[in-house]
Amino acid sequence: MKHSNPEFILIVDDNPDNLSVLSTTLKGAGYAVRIAVDGEDALLQCDRAMPMLILLDVMMPGID
């Protein structure tokens, strides 16, 4: 199933390995993906455009 922009999935994680696996898998399935490495960046990205789904690590430095 192909998904077009502006629909995207936001992945929020401070672990580069998790980000890589998730983004590669989702992009391979045809999803548009954006990445945030902390809570502050995730909030800024959501201010710009609301994702259709957010996958996040709930235990992160700074804002969880």
C-alpha atoms as a PDB file:
ATOM      1  CA  MET A   1       0.000   0.000   0.000  1.00  0.00           C
ATOM      2  CA  LYS A   2       1.518   3.320  -1.072  1.00  0.00           C
ATOM      3  CA  HIS A   3       1.102   6.362   1.126  1.00  0.00           C
ATOM      4  CA  SER A   4       1.720   9.853  -0.181  1.00  0.00           C
ATOM      5  CA  ASN A   5       2.999  12.928   1.594  1.00  0.00           C
ATOM      6  CA  PRO A   6       1.771  14.760   3.689  1.00  0.00           C
ATOM      7  CA  GLU A   7       0.776  11.524   5.426  1.00  0.00           C
ATOM      8  CA  PHE A   8       3.781  10.231   7.315  1.00  0.00           C
ATOM      9  CA  ILE A   9       4.803   8.212  10.334  1.00  0.00           C
ATOM     10  CA  LEU A  10       6.940   9.933  12.937  1.00  0.00           C
ATOM     11  CA  ILE A  11       9.465   7.693  14.703  1.00  0.00           C
ATOM     12  CA  VAL A  12      10.807   9.068  17.989  1.00  0.00           C
ATOM     13  CA  ASP A  13      13.721   7.234  19.573  1.00  0.00           C
ATOM     14  CA  ASP A  14      17.172   8.039  20.958  1.00  0.00           C
ATOM     15  CA  ASN A  15      18.578   4.679  19.809  1.00  0.00           C
ATOM     16  CA  PRO A  16      20.032   4.868  16.272  1.00  0.00           C
ATOM     17  CA  ASP A  17      19.632   1.107  15.729  1.00  0.00           C
ATOM     18  CA  ASN A  18      15.907   1.260  16.511  1.00  0.00           C
ATOM     19  CA  LEU A  19      15.482   4.252  14.200  1.00  0.00           C
ATOM     20  CA  SER A  20      17.286   2.457  11.386  1.00  0.00           C
ATOM     21  CA  VAL A  21      15.306  -0.783  11.642  1.00  0.00           C
ATOM     22  CA  LEU A  22      11.931   0.951  11.914  1.00  0.00           C
ATOM     23  CA  SER A  23      12.536   3.512   9.180  1.00  0.00           C
ATOM     24  CA  THR A  24      13.958   0.945   6.744  1.00  0.00           C
ATOM     25  CA  THR A  25      11.047  -1.425   7.334  1.00  0.00           C
ATOM     26  CA  LEU A  26       8.374   1.249   7.018  1.00  0.00           C
ATOM     27  CA  LYS A  27       9.938   2.888   3.966  1.00  0.00           C
ATOM     28  CA  GLY A  28      10.184  -0.541   2.346  1.00  0.00           C
ATOM     29  CA  ALA A  29       6.441  -0.940   2.918  1.00  0.00           C
ATOM     30  CA  GLY A  30       5.789   2.355   1.123  1.00  0.00           C
ATOM     31  CA  TYR A  31       5.307   4.698   4.068  1.00  0.00           C
ATOM     32  CA  ALA A  32       6.732   8.187   4.317  1.00  0.00           C
ATOM     33  CA  VAL A  33       8.801   8.425   7.503  1.00  0.00           C
ATOM     34  CA  ARG A  34      10.176  11.267   9.570  1.00  0.00           C
ATOM     35  CA  ILE A  35      12.527  10.833  12.508  1.00  0.00           C
ATOM     36  CA  ALA A  36      12.988  12.656  15.802  1.00  0.00           C
ATOM     37  CA  VAL A  37      15.762  11.798  18.255  1.00  0.00           C
ATOM     38  CA  ASP A  38      14.172  13.446  21.288  1.00  0.00           C
ATOM     39  CA  GLY A  39      10.860  14.686  22.620  1.00  0.00           C
ATOM     40  CA  GLU A  40      11.564  18.327  21.863  1.00  0.00           C
ATOM     41  CA  ASP A  41      12.230  17.593  18.185  1.00  0.00           C
ATOM     42  CA  ALA A  42       9.104  15.419  18.011  1.00  0.00           C
ATOM     43  CA  LEU A  43       6.963  18.282  19.321  1.00  0.00           C
ATOM     44  CA  LEU A  44       8.485  20.709  16.815  1.00  0.00           C
ATOM     45  CA  GLN A  45       7.801  18.320  13.946  1.00  0.00           C
ATOM     46  CA  CYS A  46       4.194  17.842  15.083  1.00  0.00           C
ATOM     47  CA  ASP A  47       3.771  21.626  15.126  1.00  0.00           C
ATOM     48  CA  ARG A  48       4.785  21.708  11.446  1.00  0.00           C
ATOM     49  CA  ALA A  49       2.639  18.776  10.308  1.00  0.00           C
ATOM     50  CA  MET A  50       0.649  16.206  12.257  1.00  0.00           C
ATOM     51  CA  PRO A  51       1.746  12.630  11.503  1.00  0.00           C
ATOM     52  CA  MET A  52      -0.808   9.899  10.865  1.00  0.00           C
ATOM     53  CA  LEU A  53       1.008   7.763  13.462  1.00  0.00           C
ATOM     54  CA  ILE A  54       3.731   8.281  16.058  1.00  0.00           C
ATOM     55  CA  LEU A  55       5.952   5.391  17.123  1.00  0.00           C
ATOM     56  CA  LEU A  56       7.945   6.384  20.158  1.00  0.00           C
ATOM     57  CA  ASP A  57      10.243   5.187  22.853  1.00  0.00           C
ATOM     58  CA  VAL A  58       8.603   6.239  26.112  1.00  0.00           C
ATOM     59  CA  MET A  59      11.816   6.289  28.176  1.00  0.00           C
ATOM     60  CA  MET A  60      14.091   8.962  26.736  1.00  0.00           C
ATOM     61  CA  PRO A  61      16.365  11.694  28.068  1.00  0.00           C
ATOM     62  CA  GLY A  62      14.655  15.064  28.436  1.00  0.00           C
ATOM     63  CA  ILE A  63      10.958  15.002  27.591  1.00  0.00           C
ATOM     64  CA  ASP A  64       9.544  11.456  27.627  1.00  0.00           C
END
